[in-house]
C-alpha atoms as a PDB file:
ATOM      1  CA  MET A   1      -7.765  -7.916  12.948  1.00  0.00           C
ATOM      2  CA  ARG A   2      -6.470  -4.344  12.666  1.00  0.00           C
ATOM      3  CA  PHE A   3      -2.965  -3.282  13.575  1.00  0.00           C
ATOM      4  CA  THR A   4      -0.742  -0.236  13.182  1.00  0.00           C
ATOM      5  CA  GLY A   5       2.872  -0.167  12.065  1.00  0.00           C
ATOM      6  CA  PHE A   6       5.548   2.504  11.798  1.00  0.00           C
ATOM      7  CA  CYS A   7       7.312   2.142   8.474  1.00  0.00           C
ATOM      8  CA  LYS A   8       8.931   3.910   5.537  1.00  0.00           C
ATOM      9  CA  PHE A   9       6.727   4.944   2.648  1.00  0.00           C
ATOM     10  CA  MET A  10       8.418   3.541  -0.459  1.00  0.00           C
ATOM     11  CA  GLY A  11       6.159   5.115  -3.078  1.00  0.00           C
ATOM     12  CA  ALA A  12       3.003   4.751  -5.147  1.00  0.00           C
ATOM     13  CA  GLU A  13       2.701   3.661  -8.766  1.00  0.00           C
ATOM     14  CA  THR A  14       0.210   2.496 -11.361  1.00  0.00           C
ATOM     15  CA  ARG A  15       0.458  -0.780 -13.243  1.00  0.00           C
ATOM     16  CA  LYS A  16      -1.337  -2.059 -16.298  1.00  0.00           C
ATOM     17  CA  GLY A  17      -3.103  -5.390 -16.065  1.00  0.00           C
ATOM     18  CA  PHE A  18      -1.173  -8.421 -17.289  1.00  0.00           C
ATOM     19  CA  LYS A  19      -4.122 -10.249 -18.863  1.00  0.00           C
ATOM     20  CA  ASP A  20      -6.092  -7.093 -19.673  1.00  0.00           C
ATOM     21  CA  PRO A  21      -3.849  -4.071 -20.380  1.00  0.00           C
ATOM     22  CA  SER A  22      -6.878  -1.753 -20.332  1.00  0.00           C
ATOM     23  CA  GLN A  23      -7.135  -2.244 -16.544  1.00  0.00           C
ATOM     24  CA  THR A  24      -5.094  -0.045 -14.229  1.00  0.00           C
ATOM     25  CA  PHE A  25      -4.003  -1.173 -10.784  1.00  0.00           C
ATOM     26  CA  TYR A  26      -2.801   1.216  -8.082  1.00  0.00           C
ATOM     27  CA  VAL A  27       0.001   0.041  -5.800  1.00  0.00           C
ATOM     28  CA  VAL A  28       1.456   1.536  -2.607  1.00  0.00           C
ATOM     29  CA  GLY A  29       4.687   0.244  -1.089  1.00  0.00           C
ATOM     30  CA  VAL A  30       5.790   0.432   2.540  1.00  0.00           C
ATOM     31  CA  GLY A  31       8.817  -1.078   4.244  1.00  0.00           C
ATOM     32  CA  GLN A  32      10.225  -1.767   7.685  1.00  0.00           C
ATOM     33  CA  GLY A  33      13.793  -2.942   8.119  1.00  0.00           C
ATOM     34  CA  LEU A  34      14.471  -5.522   5.390  1.00  0.00           C
ATOM     35  CA  ASP A  35      10.779  -6.357   4.874  1.00  0.00           C
ATOM     36  CA  SER A  36       8.545  -4.638   2.347  1.00  0.00           C
ATOM     37  CA  LEU A  37       4.841  -4.817   1.581  1.00  0.00           C
ATOM     38  CA  ARG A  38       3.047  -3.925  -1.618  1.00  0.00           C
ATOM     39  CA  CYS A  39      -0.649  -3.089  -1.216  1.00  0.00           C
ATOM     40  CA  TYR A  40      -3.226  -2.546  -3.932  1.00  0.00           C
ATOM     41  CA  VAL A  41      -5.468   0.487  -3.306  1.00  0.00           C
ATOM     42  CA  ASP A  42      -8.287   2.279  -5.104  1.00  0.00           C
ATOM     43  CA  ALA A  43      -7.764   5.318  -7.353  1.00  0.00           C
ATOM     44  CA  GLU A  44      -8.839   7.823  -4.684  1.00  0.00           C
ATOM     45  CA  SER A  45      -6.364   6.445  -2.139  1.00  0.00           C
ATOM     46  CA  TYR A  46      -3.635   6.371  -4.777  1.00  0.00           C
ATOM     47  CA  VAL A  47      -4.013  10.113  -5.450  1.00  0.00           C
ATOM     48  CA  ARG A  48      -3.844  10.842  -1.710  1.00  0.00           C
ATOM     49  CA  TYR A  49      -0.791   8.627  -1.076  1.00  0.00           C
ATOM     50  CA  ALA A  50       1.132   9.606  -4.229  1.00  0.00           C
ATOM     51  CA  ALA A  51       1.614  13.074  -2.696  1.00  0.00           C
ATOM     52  CA  ILE A  52       3.644  11.607   0.199  1.00  0.00           C
ATOM     53  CA  GLU A  53       7.397  12.024  -0.157  1.00  0.00           C
ATOM     54  CA  PRO A  54       9.137   8.643  -0.782  1.00  0.00           C
ATOM     55  CA  TYR A  55      11.195   7.247   2.111  1.00  0.00           C
ATOM     56  CA  SER A  56       9.365   9.349   4.682  1.00  0.00           C
ATOM     57  CA  ASP A  57       8.365   7.851   8.037  1.00  0.00           C
ATOM     58  CA  VAL A  58       4.646   7.074   8.212  1.00  0.00           C
ATOM     59  CA  GLU A  59       2.199   5.313  10.493  1.00  0.00           C
ATOM     60  CA  ALA A  60       0.146   2.827   8.495  1.00  0.00           C
ATOM     61  CA  GLU A  61      -2.994   1.000   9.592  1.00  0.00           C
ATOM     62  CA  PHE A  62      -3.602  -2.469   8.177  1.00  0.00           C
ATOM     63  CA  ASP A  63      -6.342  -5.078   8.306  1.00  0.00           C
ATOM     64  CA  TYR A  64      -5.155  -8.697   8.493  1.00  0.00           C
ATOM     65  CA  ASN A  65      -7.467 -11.583   7.627  1.00  0.00           C
ATOM     66  CA  PRO A  66      -6.006 -14.749   9.222  1.00  0.00           C
ATOM     67  CA  VAL A  67      -8.319 -17.027   7.217  1.00  0.00           C
ATOM     68  CA  SER A  68      -7.184 -15.809   3.792  1.00  0.00           C
ATOM     69  CA  GLY A  69      -3.757 -14.574   4.919  1.00  0.00           C
ATOM     70  CA  LYS A  70      -4.295 -11.202   3.208  1.00  0.00           C
ATOM     71  CA  ILE A  71      -3.221  -7.797   4.493  1.00  0.00           C
ATOM     72  CA  ASN A  72      -5.123  -4.705   3.332  1.00  0.00           C
ATOM     73  CA  LEU A  73      -3.942  -1.148   3.766  1.00  0.00           C
ATOM     74  CA  ILE A  74      -6.561   0.932   5.616  1.00  0.00           C
ATOM     75  CA  SER A  75      -4.825   4.299   5.957  1.00  0.00           C
ATOM     76  CA  ILE A  76      -1.494   6.104   6.129  1.00  0.00           C
ATOM     77  CA  ASN A  77      -0.932   8.955   8.565  1.00  0.00           C
END
């Protein structure tokens, strides 16, 4: 199920893997009110989203899987 939300872009960062430090994970954070969401993205999306100014208002599109309870970031406009 896809949905759109208006939120604040918190930022983008890279993280090293806990079990395997040679792996790099790309994380994008968005927030709305007191709630925040951290989404893992691919390297290409990370480069695109890292250019967005932190704390700017964005429209984000998400995909929610009710079976697994996971939310994936589709795009940020």
